[in-house]
Amino acid sequence: SLGWFRQTPGKEREFVAAINWNGN
């Protein structure tokens, strides 16, 4: 299972998107 997170200086890492094993 995979995800994208993002982070700016001084802030916590933020969830952006995620996808399960087969993409559905």
PDB file of all heavy atoms in Angstrom:
ATOM      1  N   SER A   1       0.867  -1.169   0.000  1.00  0.00           N
ATOM      2  CA  SER A   1       0.000   0.000   0.000  1.00  0.00           C
ATOM      3  C   SER A   1       0.907   1.223   0.000  1.00  0.00           C
ATOM      4  O   SER A   1       1.902   1.263   0.728  1.00  0.00           O
ATOM      5  CB  SER A   1      -0.885   0.012   1.237  1.00  0.00           C
ATOM      6  OG  SER A   1      -1.677  -1.148   1.285  1.00  0.00           O
ATOM      7  N   LEU A   2       0.567   2.213  -0.805  1.00  0.00           N
ATOM      8  CA  LEU A   2       1.474   3.337  -1.053  1.00  0.00           C
ATOM      9  C   LEU A   2       0.791   4.663  -0.790  1.00  0.00           C
ATOM     10  O   LEU A   2      -0.430   4.783  -0.910  1.00  0.00           O
ATOM     11  CB  LEU A   2       1.947   3.293  -2.509  1.00  0.00           C
ATOM     12  CG  LEU A   2       2.631   2.016  -2.961  1.00  0.00           C
ATOM     13  CD1 LEU A   2       2.796   2.021  -4.476  1.00  0.00           C
ATOM     14  CD2 LEU A   2       3.964   1.849  -2.284  1.00  0.00           C
ATOM     15  N   GLY A   3       1.604   5.658  -0.483  1.00  0.00           N
ATOM     16  CA  GLY A   3       1.042   6.979  -0.248  1.00  0.00           C
ATOM     17  C   GLY A   3       1.994   8.087  -0.636  1.00  0.00           C
ATOM     18  O   GLY A   3       3.193   7.865  -0.827  1.00  0.00           O
ATOM     19  N   TRP A   4       1.425   9.273  -0.774  1.00  0.00           N
ATOM     20  CA  TRP A   4       2.180  10.509  -0.967  1.00  0.00           C
ATOM     21  C   TRP A   4       1.906  11.424   0.223  1.00  0.00           C
ATOM     22  O   TRP A   4       0.755  11.600   0.626  1.00  0.00           O
ATOM     23  CB  TRP A   4       1.769  11.228  -2.249  1.00  0.00           C
ATOM     24  CG  TRP A   4       2.248  10.591  -3.510  1.00  0.00           C
ATOM     25  CD1 TRP A   4       1.526   9.771  -4.349  1.00  0.00           C
ATOM     26  CD2 TRP A   4       3.537  10.713  -4.104  1.00  0.00           C
ATOM     27  NE1 TRP A   4       2.289   9.382  -5.412  1.00  0.00           N
ATOM     28  CE2 TRP A   4       3.533   9.951  -5.291  1.00  0.00           C
ATOM     29  CE3 TRP A   4       4.699  11.408  -3.766  1.00  0.00           C
ATOM     30  CZ2 TRP A   4       4.645   9.859  -6.126  1.00  0.00           C
ATOM     31  CZ3 TRP A   4       5.809  11.315  -4.595  1.00  0.00           C
ATOM     32  CH2 TRP A   4       5.773  10.542  -5.762  1.00  0.00           C
ATOM     33  N   PHE A   5       2.957  11.985   0.754  1.00  0.00           N
ATOM     34  CA  PHE A   5       2.879  12.969   1.818  1.00  0.00           C
ATOM     35  C   PHE A   5       3.668  14.197   1.386  1.00  0.00           C
ATOM     36  O   PHE A   5       4.489  14.128   0.476  1.00  0.00           O
ATOM     37  CB  PHE A   5       3.458  12.404   3.122  1.00  0.00           C
ATOM     38  CG  PHE A   5       2.601  11.347   3.752  1.00  0.00           C
ATOM     39  CD1 PHE A   5       2.563  10.056   3.236  1.00  0.00           C
ATOM     40  CD2 PHE A   5       1.829  11.633   4.866  1.00  0.00           C
ATOM     41  CE1 PHE A   5       1.774   9.075   3.806  1.00  0.00           C
ATOM     42  CE2 PHE A   5       1.033  10.649   5.447  1.00  0.00           C
ATOM     43  CZ  PHE A   5       1.007   9.383   4.914  1.00  0.00           C
ATOM     44  N   ARG A   6       3.430  15.305   2.056  1.00  0.00           N
ATOM     45  CA  ARG A   6       4.197  16.518   1.768  1.00  0.00           C
ATOM     46  C   ARG A   6       4.502  17.240   3.066  1.00  0.00           C
ATOM     47  O   ARG A   6       3.807  17.077   4.068  1.00  0.00           O
ATOM     48  CB  ARG A   6       3.453  17.427   0.791  1.00  0.00           C
ATOM     49  CG  ARG A   6       2.139  17.993   1.302  1.00  0.00           C
ATOM     50  CD  ARG A   6       1.403  18.716   0.172  1.00  0.00           C
ATOM     51  NE  ARG A   6       0.122  19.264   0.613  1.00  0.00           N
ATOM     52  CZ  ARG A   6      -0.771  19.819  -0.196  1.00  0.00           C
ATOM     53  NH1 ARG A   6      -0.522  19.884  -1.511  1.00  0.00           N
ATOM     54  NH2 ARG A   6      -1.905  20.291   0.278  1.00  0.00           N
ATOM     55  N   GLN A   7       5.553  18.042   2.997  1.00  0.00           N
ATOM     56  CA  GLN A   7       6.001  18.731   4.197  1.00  0.00           C
ATOM     57  C   GLN A   7       6.629  20.062   3.828  1.00  0.00           C
ATOM     58  O   GLN A   7       7.394  20.158   2.861  1.00  0.00           O
ATOM     59  CB  GLN A   7       7.018  17.866   4.949  1.00  0.00           C
ATOM     60  CG  GLN A   7       7.397  18.378   6.319  1.00  0.00           C
ATOM     61  CD  GLN A   7       8.222  17.372   7.091  1.00  0.00           C
ATOM     62  OE1 GLN A   7       8.889  16.509   6.526  1.00  0.00           O
ATOM     63  NE2 GLN A   7       8.169  17.459   8.412  1.00  0.00           N
ATOM     64  N   THR A   8       6.305  21.078   4.606  1.00  0.00           N
ATOM     65  CA  THR A   8       6.929  22.381   4.488  1.00  0.00           C
ATOM     66  C   THR A   8       7.724  22.648   5.759  1.00  0.00           C
ATOM     67  O   THR A   8       7.441  22.055   6.811  1.00  0.00           O
ATOM     68  CB  THR A   8       5.891  23.492   4.265  1.00  0.00           C
ATOM     69  OG1 THR A   8       4.911  23.421   5.319  1.00  0.00           O
ATOM     70  CG2 THR A   8       5.188  23.315   2.938  1.00  0.00           C
ATOM     71  N   PRO A   9       8.716  23.522   5.694  1.00  0.00           N
ATOM     72  CA  PRO A   9       9.572  23.763   6.864  1.00  0.00           C
ATOM     73  C   PRO A   9       8.773  24.163   8.091  1.00  0.00           C
ATOM     74  O   PRO A   9       7.894  25.020   8.015  1.00  0.00           O
ATOM     75  CB  PRO A   9      10.485  24.900   6.389  1.00  0.00           C
ATOM     76  CG  PRO A   9      10.558  24.717   4.913  1.00  0.00           C
ATOM     77  CD  PRO A   9       9.190  24.252   4.508  1.00  0.00           C
ATOM     78  N   GLY A  10       9.085  23.515   9.201  1.00  0.00           N
ATOM     79  CA  GLY A  10       8.444  23.843  10.459  1.00  0.00           C
ATOM     80  C   GLY A  10       7.091  23.199  10.675  1.00  0.00           C
ATOM     81  O   GLY A  10       6.464  23.413  11.715  1.00  0.00           O
ATOM     82  N   LYS A  11       6.630  22.416   9.698  1.00  0.00           N
ATOM     83  CA  LYS A  11       5.327  21.763   9.832  1.00  0.00           C
ATOM     84  C   LYS A  11       5.482  20.248   9.789  1.00  0.00           C
ATOM     85  O   LYS A  11       6.477  19.713   9.281  1.00  0.00           O
ATOM     86  CB  LYS A  11       4.387  22.240   8.724  1.00  0.00           C
ATOM     87  CG  LYS A  11       4.005  23.699   8.825  1.00  0.00           C
ATOM     88  CD  LYS A  11       2.898  24.032   7.847  1.00  0.00           C
ATOM     89  CE  LYS A  11       2.434  25.472   8.005  1.00  0.00           C
ATOM     90  NZ  LYS A  11       1.323  25.812   7.084  1.00  0.00           N
ATOM     91  N   GLU A  12       4.474  19.564  10.294  1.00  0.00           N
ATOM     92  CA  GLU A  12       4.481  18.117  10.257  1.00  0.00           C
ATOM     93  C   GLU A  12       4.198  17.614   8.842  1.00  0.00           C
ATOM     94  O   GLU A  12       3.597  18.314   8.022  1.00  0.00           O
ATOM     95  CB  GLU A  12       3.419  17.559  11.215  1.00  0.00           C
ATOM     96  CG  GLU A  12       3.736  17.785  12.676  1.00  0.00           C
ATOM     97  CD  GLU A  12       2.758  17.058  13.588  1.00  0.00           C
ATOM     98  OE1 GLU A  12       1.796  16.453  13.077  1.00  0.00           O
ATOM     99  OE2 GLU A  12       2.963  17.101  14.809  1.00  0.00           O
ATOM    100  N   ARG A  13       4.660  16.393   8.600  1.00  0.00           N
ATOM    101  CA  ARG A  13       4.398  15.784   7.308  1.00  0.00           C
ATOM    102  C   ARG A  13       2.890  15.566   7.148  1.00  0.00           C
ATOM    103  O   ARG A  13       2.231  15.048   8.042  1.00  0.00           O
ATOM    104  CB  ARG A  13       5.168  14.474   7.197  1.00  0.00           C
ATOM    105  CG  ARG A  13       5.360  13.977   5.796  1.00  0.00           C
ATOM    106  CD  ARG A  13       6.484  12.972   5.734  1.00  0.00           C
ATOM    107  NE  ARG A  13       7.792  13.602   5.926  1.00  0.00           N
ATOM    108  CZ  ARG A  13       8.948  12.978   5.746  1.00  0.00           C
ATOM    109  NH1 ARG A  13       8.958  11.697   5.368  1.00  0.00           N
ATOM    110  NH2 ARG A  13      10.087  13.593   5.956  1.00  0.00           N
ATOM    111  N   GLU A  14       2.360  15.943   5.989  1.00  0.00           N
ATOM    112  CA  GLU A  14       0.912  15.963   5.764  1.00  0.00           C
ATOM    113  C   GLU A  14       0.533  14.925   4.711  1.00  0.00           C
ATOM    114  O   GLU A  14       1.178  14.838   3.652  1.00  0.00           O
ATOM    115  CB  GLU A  14       0.511  17.362   5.276  1.00  0.00           C
ATOM    116  CG  GLU A  14      -0.907  17.518   4.805  1.00  0.00           C
ATOM    117  CD  GLU A  14      -1.136  18.823   4.053  1.00  0.00           C
ATOM    118  OE1 GLU A  14      -0.200  19.334   3.417  1.00  0.00           O
ATOM    119  OE2 GLU A  14      -2.282  19.310   4.108  1.00  0.00           O
ATOM    120  N   PHE A  15      -0.529  14.192   4.968  1.00  0.00           N
ATOM    121  CA  PHE A  15      -1.051  13.225   4.006  1.00  0.00           C
ATOM    122  C   PHE A  15      -1.574  13.934   2.771  1.00  0.00           C
ATOM    123  O   PHE A  15      -2.254  14.956   2.872  1.00  0.00           O
ATOM    124  CB  PHE A  15      -2.165  12.412   4.660  1.00  0.00           C
ATOM    125  CG  PHE A  15      -2.906  11.528   3.696  1.00  0.00           C
ATOM    126  CD1 PHE A  15      -2.386  10.306   3.324  1.00  0.00           C
ATOM    127  CD2 PHE A  15      -4.128  11.924   3.161  1.00  0.00           C
ATOM    128  CE1 PHE A  15      -3.059   9.487   2.434  1.00  0.00           C
ATOM    129  CE2 PHE A  15      -4.815  11.120   2.277  1.00  0.00           C
ATOM    130  CZ  PHE A  15      -4.282   9.896   1.912  1.00  0.00           C
ATOM    131  N   VAL A  16      -1.275  13.365   1.600  1.00  0.00           N
ATOM    132  CA  VAL A  16      -1.794  13.908   0.341  1.00  0.00           C
ATOM    133  C   VAL A  16      -2.714  12.901  -0.329  1.00  0.00           C
ATOM    134  O   VAL A  16      -3.859  13.208  -0.654  1.00  0.00           O
ATOM    135  CB  VAL A  16      -0.647  14.282  -0.617  1.00  0.00           C
ATOM    136  CG1 VAL A  16      -1.210  14.769  -1.953  1.00  0.00           C
ATOM    137  CG2 VAL A  16       0.260  15.334  -0.002  1.00  0.00           C
ATOM    138  N   ALA A  17      -2.220  11.688  -0.554  1.00  0.00           N
ATOM    139  CA  ALA A  17      -3.002  10.673  -1.262  1.00  0.00           C
ATOM    140  C   ALA A  17      -2.424   9.302  -0.955  1.00  0.00           C
ATOM    141  O   ALA A  17      -1.262   9.182  -0.580  1.00  0.00           O
ATOM    142  CB  ALA A  17      -2.993  10.927  -2.762  1.00  0.00           C
ATOM    143  N   ALA A  18      -3.251   8.277  -1.132  1.00  0.00           N
ATOM    144  CA  ALA A  18      -2.795   6.899  -0.942  1.00  0.00           C
ATOM    145  C   ALA A  18      -3.548   5.992  -1.897  1.00  0.00           C
ATOM    146  O   ALA A  18      -4.632   6.338  -2.388  1.00  0.00           O
ATOM    147  CB  ALA A  18      -2.999   6.460   0.499  1.00  0.00           C
ATOM    148  N   ILE A  19      -2.966   4.823  -2.127  1.00  0.00           N
ATOM    149  CA  ILE A  19      -3.567   3.881  -3.068  1.00  0.00           C
ATOM    150  C   ILE A  19      -3.325   2.464  -2.569  1.00  0.00           C
ATOM    151  O   ILE A  19      -2.276   2.168  -2.009  1.00  0.00           O
ATOM    152  CB  ILE A  19      -2.973   4.100  -4.480  1.00  0.00           C
ATOM    153  CG1 ILE A  19      -3.758   3.342  -5.551  1.00  0.00           C
ATOM    154  CG2 ILE A  19      -1.488   3.753  -4.528  1.00  0.00           C
ATOM    155  CD1 ILE A  19      -3.426   3.791  -6.964  1.00  0.00           C
ATOM    156  N   ASN A  20      -4.305   1.604  -2.769  1.00  0.00           N
ATOM    157  CA  ASN A  20      -4.150   0.236  -2.286  1.00  0.00           C
ATOM    158  C   ASN A  20      -3.351  -0.606  -3.286  1.00  0.00           C
ATOM    159  O   ASN A  20      -2.919  -0.119  -4.327  1.00  0.00           O
ATOM    160  CB  ASN A  20      -5.512  -0.385  -1.978  1.00  0.00           C
ATOM    161  CG  ASN A  20      -6.292  -0.744  -3.238  1.00  0.00           C
ATOM    162  OD1 ASN A  20      -6.140  -0.089  -4.259  1.00  0.00           O
ATOM    163  ND2 ASN A  20      -7.102  -1.780  -3.159  1.00  0.00           N
ATOM    164  N   TRP A  21      -3.187  -1.898  -2.990  1.00  0.00           N
ATOM    165  CA  TRP A  21      -2.232  -2.717  -3.719  1.00  0.00           C
ATOM    166  C   TRP A  21      -2.531  -2.842  -5.205  1.00  0.00           C
ATOM    167  O   TRP A  21      -1.613  -2.897  -6.023  1.00  0.00           O
ATOM    168  CB  TRP A  21      -2.149  -4.111  -3.083  1.00  0.00           C
ATOM    169  CG  TRP A  21      -3.390  -4.929  -3.265  1.00  0.00           C
ATOM    170  CD1 TRP A  21      -4.527  -4.876  -2.514  1.00  0.00           C
ATOM    171  CD2 TRP A  21      -3.624  -5.890  -4.288  1.00  0.00           C
ATOM    172  NE1 TRP A  21      -5.459  -5.759  -3.005  1.00  0.00           N
ATOM    173  CE2 TRP A  21      -4.931  -6.405  -4.088  1.00  0.00           C
ATOM    174  CE3 TRP A  21      -2.866  -6.396  -5.346  1.00  0.00           C
ATOM    175  CZ2 TRP A  21      -5.478  -7.370  -4.916  1.00  0.00           C
ATOM    176  CZ3 TRP A  21      -3.409  -7.366  -6.174  1.00  0.00           C
ATOM    177  CH2 TRP A  21      -4.701  -7.839  -5.957  1.00  0.00           C
ATOM    178  N   ASN A  22      -3.804  -2.887  -5.577  1.00  0.00           N
ATOM    179  CA  ASN A  22      -4.104  -3.078  -6.998  1.00  0.00           C
ATOM    180  C   ASN A  22      -4.650  -1.821  -7.658  1.00  0.00           C
ATOM    181  O   ASN A  22      -5.047  -1.848  -8.812  1.00  0.00           O
ATOM    182  CB  ASN A  22      -5.069  -4.234  -7.200  1.00  0.00           C
ATOM    183  CG  ASN A  22      -6.445  -3.977  -6.603  1.00  0.00           C
ATOM    184  OD1 ASN A  22      -6.681  -2.938  -5.993  1.00  0.00           O
ATOM    185  ND2 ASN A  22      -7.359  -4.898  -6.783  1.00  0.00           N
ATOM    186  N   GLY A  23      -4.673  -0.718  -6.925  1.00  0.00           N
ATOM    187  CA  GLY A  23      -5.064   0.552  -7.511  1.00  0.00           C
ATOM    188  C   GLY A  23      -6.546   0.806  -7.606  1.00  0.00           C
ATOM    189  O   GLY A  23      -6.960   1.816  -8.180  1.00  0.00           O
ATOM    190  N   ASN A  24      -7.372  -0.055  -7.033  1.00  0.00           N
ATOM    191  CA  ASN A  24      -8.812   0.170  -7.180  1.00  0.00           C
ATOM    192  C   ASN A  24      -9.416   0.962  -6.027  1.00  0.00           C
ATOM    193  O   ASN A  24     -10.622   1.196  -5.990  1.00  0.00           O
ATOM    194  CB  ASN A  24      -9.556  -1.151  -7.385  1.00  0.00           C
ATOM    195  CG  ASN A  24      -9.578  -2.014  -6.149  1.00  0.00           C
ATOM    196  OD1 ASN A  24      -8.953  -1.687  -5.142  1.00  0.00           O
ATOM    197  ND2 ASN A  24     -10.289  -3.124  -6.211  1.00  0.00           N
TER     198      ASN A  24
END
